[in-house]
C-alpha atoms as a PDB file:
ATOM      1  CA  MET A   1      35.026 -61.468 167.760  1.00  0.00           C
ATOM      2  CA  LYS A   2      38.589 -61.691 169.548  1.00  0.00           C
ATOM      3  CA  GLY A   3      37.746 -58.064 170.773  1.00  0.00           C
ATOM      4  CA  ILE A   4      34.526 -59.102 172.233  1.00  0.00           C
ATOM      5  CA  PHE A   5      35.538 -61.994 174.066  1.00  0.00           C
ATOM      6  CA  ILE A   6      39.055 -59.951 175.302  1.00  0.00           C
ATOM      7  CA  ARG A   7      36.580 -57.242 176.449  1.00  0.00           C
ATOM      8  CA  TRP A   8      34.118 -59.758 177.920  1.00  0.00           C
ATOM      9  CA  ILE A   9      37.125 -61.178 180.089  1.00  0.00           C
ATOM     10  CA  ILE A  10      38.732 -57.839 181.163  1.00  0.00           C
ATOM     11  CA  SER A  11      35.282 -56.751 182.239  1.00  0.00           C
ATOM     12  CA  ALA A  12      34.827 -59.872 184.206  1.00  0.00           C
ATOM     13  CA  ILE A  13      38.008 -59.549 185.677  1.00  0.00           C
ATOM     14  CA  ALA A  14      37.592 -56.100 186.736  1.00  0.00           C
ATOM     15  CA  LEU A  15      34.417 -56.816 188.173  1.00  0.00           C
ATOM     16  CA  TYR A  16      36.202 -59.383 190.404  1.00  0.00           C
ATOM     17  CA  LEU A  17      38.908 -56.790 191.458  1.00  0.00           C
ATOM     18  CA  THR A  18      36.196 -54.416 192.334  1.00  0.00           C
ATOM     19  CA  TYR A  19      34.585 -57.136 194.461  1.00  0.00           C
ATOM     20  CA  LEU A  20      37.717 -57.750 196.217  1.00  0.00           C
ATOM     21  CA  LEU A  21      38.691 -54.183 197.014  1.00  0.00           C
ATOM     22  CA  ALA A  22      34.701 -53.329 197.940  1.00  0.00           C
ATOM     23  CA  LYS A  23      35.290 -56.618 199.988  1.00  0.00           C
ATOM     24  CA  SER A  24      38.557 -55.451 201.584  1.00  0.00           C
ATOM     25  CA  LEU A  25      36.618 -51.890 202.581  1.00  0.00           C
ATOM     26  CA  GLY A  26      33.426 -53.486 203.881  1.00  0.00           C
ATOM     27  CA  ILE A  27      31.346 -52.158 200.749  1.00  0.00           C
ATOM     28  CA  GLY A  28      28.422 -54.611 199.943  1.00  0.00           C
ATOM     29  CA  ILE A  29      29.246 -56.333 196.508  1.00  0.00           C
ATOM     30  CA  ILE A  30      29.370 -60.166 196.405  1.00  0.00           C
ATOM     31  CA  VAL A  31      30.597 -61.838 193.391  1.00  0.00           C
ATOM     32  CA  THR A  32      31.292 -65.796 194.159  1.00  0.00           C
ATOM     33  CA  GLY A  33      33.397 -66.632 191.411  1.00  0.00           C
ATOM     34  CA  ALA A  34      34.604 -66.467 187.901  1.00  0.00           C
ATOM     35  CA  GLY A  35      31.213 -67.759 186.438  1.00  0.00           C
ATOM     36  CA  PRO A  36      28.933 -65.337 188.222  1.00  0.00           C
ATOM     37  CA  ALA A  37      31.367 -62.612 187.092  1.00  0.00           C
ATOM     38  CA  LEU A  38      31.241 -63.827 183.246  1.00  0.00           C
ATOM     39  CA  LEU A  39      27.542 -64.049 183.513  1.00  0.00           C
ATOM     40  CA  ALA A  40      27.208 -60.853 185.244  1.00  0.00           C
ATOM     41  CA  VAL A  41      29.224 -58.847 182.972  1.00  0.00           C
ATOM     42  CA  VAL A  42      26.720 -60.244 180.033  1.00  0.00           C
ATOM     43  CA  VAL A  43      23.771 -59.100 181.776  1.00  0.00           C
ATOM     44  CA  LEU A  44      25.247 -55.790 182.446  1.00  0.00           C
ATOM     45  CA  ALA A  45      26.277 -55.145 178.493  1.00  0.00           C
ATOM     46  CA  ILE A  46      22.602 -55.948 177.807  1.00  0.00           C
ATOM     47  CA  VAL A  47      21.355 -53.420 180.328  1.00  0.00           C
ATOM     48  CA  ASN A  48      23.434 -51.061 179.477  1.00  0.00           C
ATOM     49  CA  ALA A  49      22.680 -51.725 175.523  1.00  0.00           C
ATOM     50  CA  LEU A  50      19.140 -51.478 176.280  1.00  0.00           C
ATOM     51  CA  ILE A  51      17.911 -49.805 179.187  1.00  0.00           C
ATOM     52  CA  ARG A  52      20.691 -47.156 179.740  1.00  0.00           C
ATOM     53  CA  PRO A  53      19.831 -45.075 176.555  1.00  0.00           C
ATOM     54  CA  LEU A  54      16.175 -44.764 177.382  1.00  0.00           C
ATOM     55  CA  VAL A  55      17.176 -43.817 180.840  1.00  0.00           C
ATOM     56  CA  ILE A  56      19.749 -41.351 179.845  1.00  0.00           C
ATOM     57  CA  LEU A  57      16.966 -39.916 177.510  1.00  0.00           C
ATOM     58  CA  LEU A  58      14.536 -39.444 180.097  1.00  0.00           C
ATOM     59  CA  THR A  59      16.762 -37.765 182.189  1.00  0.00           C
ATOM     60  CA  LEU A  60      18.264 -35.702 179.392  1.00  0.00           C
ATOM     61  CA  PRO A  61      17.477 -32.207 180.963  1.00  0.00           C
ATOM     62  CA  LEU A  62      18.812 -33.087 184.398  1.00  0.00           C
ATOM     63  CA  ASN A  63      21.925 -34.796 182.684  1.00  0.00           C
ATOM     64  CA  CYS A  64      22.298 -31.316 180.958  1.00  0.00           C
ATOM     65  CA  LEU A  65      21.905 -29.368 184.079  1.00  0.00           C
ATOM     66  CA  THR A  66      24.634 -31.181 185.729  1.00  0.00           C
ATOM     67  CA  LEU A  67      26.742 -31.224 182.676  1.00  0.00           C
ATOM     68  CA  GLY A  68      26.793 -34.818 182.419  1.00  0.00           C
ATOM     69  CA  LEU A  69      27.641 -35.772 186.045  1.00  0.00           C
ATOM     70  CA  PHE A  70      24.122 -37.689 186.459  1.00  0.00           C
ATOM     71  CA  THR A  71      25.561 -40.231 183.722  1.00  0.00           C
ATOM     72  CA  ILE A  72      27.558 -41.644 186.918  1.00  0.00           C
ATOM     73  CA  ILE A  73      24.466 -41.917 188.763  1.00  0.00           C
ATOM     74  CA  ILE A  74      22.993 -43.642 186.009  1.00  0.00           C
ATOM     75  CA  ASN A  75      25.757 -46.109 185.694  1.00  0.00           C
ATOM     76  CA  ALA A  76      25.535 -46.754 189.388  1.00  0.00           C
ATOM     77  CA  LEU A  77      21.815 -47.634 188.938  1.00  0.00           C
ATOM     78  CA  MET A  78      22.370 -50.017 186.056  1.00  0.00           C
ATOM     79  CA  PHE A  79      24.974 -51.741 188.402  1.00  0.00           C
ATOM     80  CA  LEU A  80      22.907 -51.834 190.966  1.00  0.00           C
ATOM     81  CA  LEU A  81      19.812 -53.150 188.780  1.00  0.00           C
ATOM     82  CA  VAL A  82      21.995 -55.901 187.499  1.00  0.00           C
ATOM     83  CA  GLY A  83      23.016 -56.996 191.146  1.00  0.00           C
ATOM     84  CA  TYR A  84      19.411 -56.890 192.648  1.00  0.00           C
ATOM     85  CA  GLY A  85      19.704 -60.406 193.672  1.00  0.00           C
ATOM     86  CA  TRP A  86      18.011 -62.176 190.772  1.00  0.00           C
ATOM     87  CA  LEU A  87      21.133 -62.893 189.280  1.00  0.00           C
ATOM     88  CA  PRO A  88      22.983 -66.085 191.137  1.00  0.00           C
ATOM     89  CA  GLY A  89      26.468 -65.368 192.447  1.00  0.00           C
ATOM     90  CA  PHE A  90      26.233 -61.292 191.883  1.00  0.00           C
ATOM     91  CA  ARG A  91      24.693 -59.095 194.613  1.00  0.00           C
ATOM     92  CA  VAL A  92      24.953 -55.431 195.174  1.00  0.00           C
ATOM     93  CA  HIS A  93      23.657 -53.989 198.667  1.00  0.00           C
ATOM     94  CA  GLY A  94      22.599 -50.249 198.339  1.00  0.00           C
ATOM     95  CA  PHE A  95      23.181 -47.290 196.000  1.00  0.00           C
ATOM     96  CA  VAL A  96      26.483 -46.579 197.766  1.00  0.00           C
ATOM     97  CA  ALA A  97      27.807 -50.131 196.743  1.00  0.00           C
ATOM     98  CA  ALA A  98      26.622 -49.481 193.409  1.00  0.00           C
ATOM     99  CA  LEU A  99      28.135 -46.186 192.776  1.00  0.00           C
ATOM    100  CA  PHE A 100      31.376 -47.464 193.894  1.00  0.00           C
ATOM    101  CA  GLY A 101      31.408 -50.644 191.845  1.00  0.00           C
ATOM    102  CA  SER A 102      30.334 -48.772 188.693  1.00  0.00           C
ATOM    103  CA  VAL A 103      33.105 -46.253 189.304  1.00  0.00           C
ATOM    104  CA  VAL A 104      35.937 -48.372 190.231  1.00  0.00           C
ATOM    105  CA  MET A 105      35.090 -51.169 187.558  1.00  0.00           C
ATOM    106  CA  GLY A 106      34.773 -48.470 184.823  1.00  0.00           C
ATOM    107  CA  ILE A 107      38.276 -47.013 185.872  1.00  0.00           C
ATOM    108  CA  ILE A 108      39.987 -50.407 185.755  1.00  0.00           C
ATOM    109  CA  VAL A 109      38.013 -51.399 182.475  1.00  0.00           C
ATOM    110  CA  GLY A 110      39.495 -48.039 180.698  1.00  0.00           C
ATOM    111  CA  ILE A 111      42.886 -48.867 182.040  1.00  0.00           C
ATOM    112  CA  ALA A 112      42.862 -52.227 180.855  1.00  0.00           C
ATOM    113  CA  SER A 113      41.454 -51.370 177.546  1.00  0.00           C
ATOM    114  CA  ARG A 114      44.055 -48.599 176.945  1.00  0.00           C
ATOM    115  CA  TRP A 115      46.575 -51.254 178.117  1.00  0.00           C
ATOM    116  CA  THR A 116      45.377 -53.817 175.527  1.00  0.00           C
ATOM    117  CA  GLU A 117      45.164 -51.294 172.711  1.00  0.00           C
ATOM    118  CA  GLN A 118      48.644 -50.379 172.802  1.00  0.00           C
ATOM    119  CA  ARG A 119      49.705 -54.113 172.991  1.00  0.00           C
ATOM    120  CA  GLU A 120      47.944 -54.962 169.706  1.00  0.00           C
END
């Protein structure tokens, strides 16, 4: 249970750092505070657990053709779906912003997860 909480906090911090980087580059990702970041991470986890596997299964031929690189597009679409505007305090404007957000957030979460695993 402690591990889930730590991953949740790490992901929320990563989302906020992604927002700050996107804001400095002029890319359309908006996070209005810590609460919306925590909520967005929960919704993103649910979307990734329920919808993403179905999308990957449906696009399996294309994913095989691109040697798995289409998964990056799928991750961006899931990020865009969560940030479409129905979640208060978290918004993603366009596919490029979603692609940027999913890649940067994935890198930050990956680095932070490795760092916390080594500390335990």
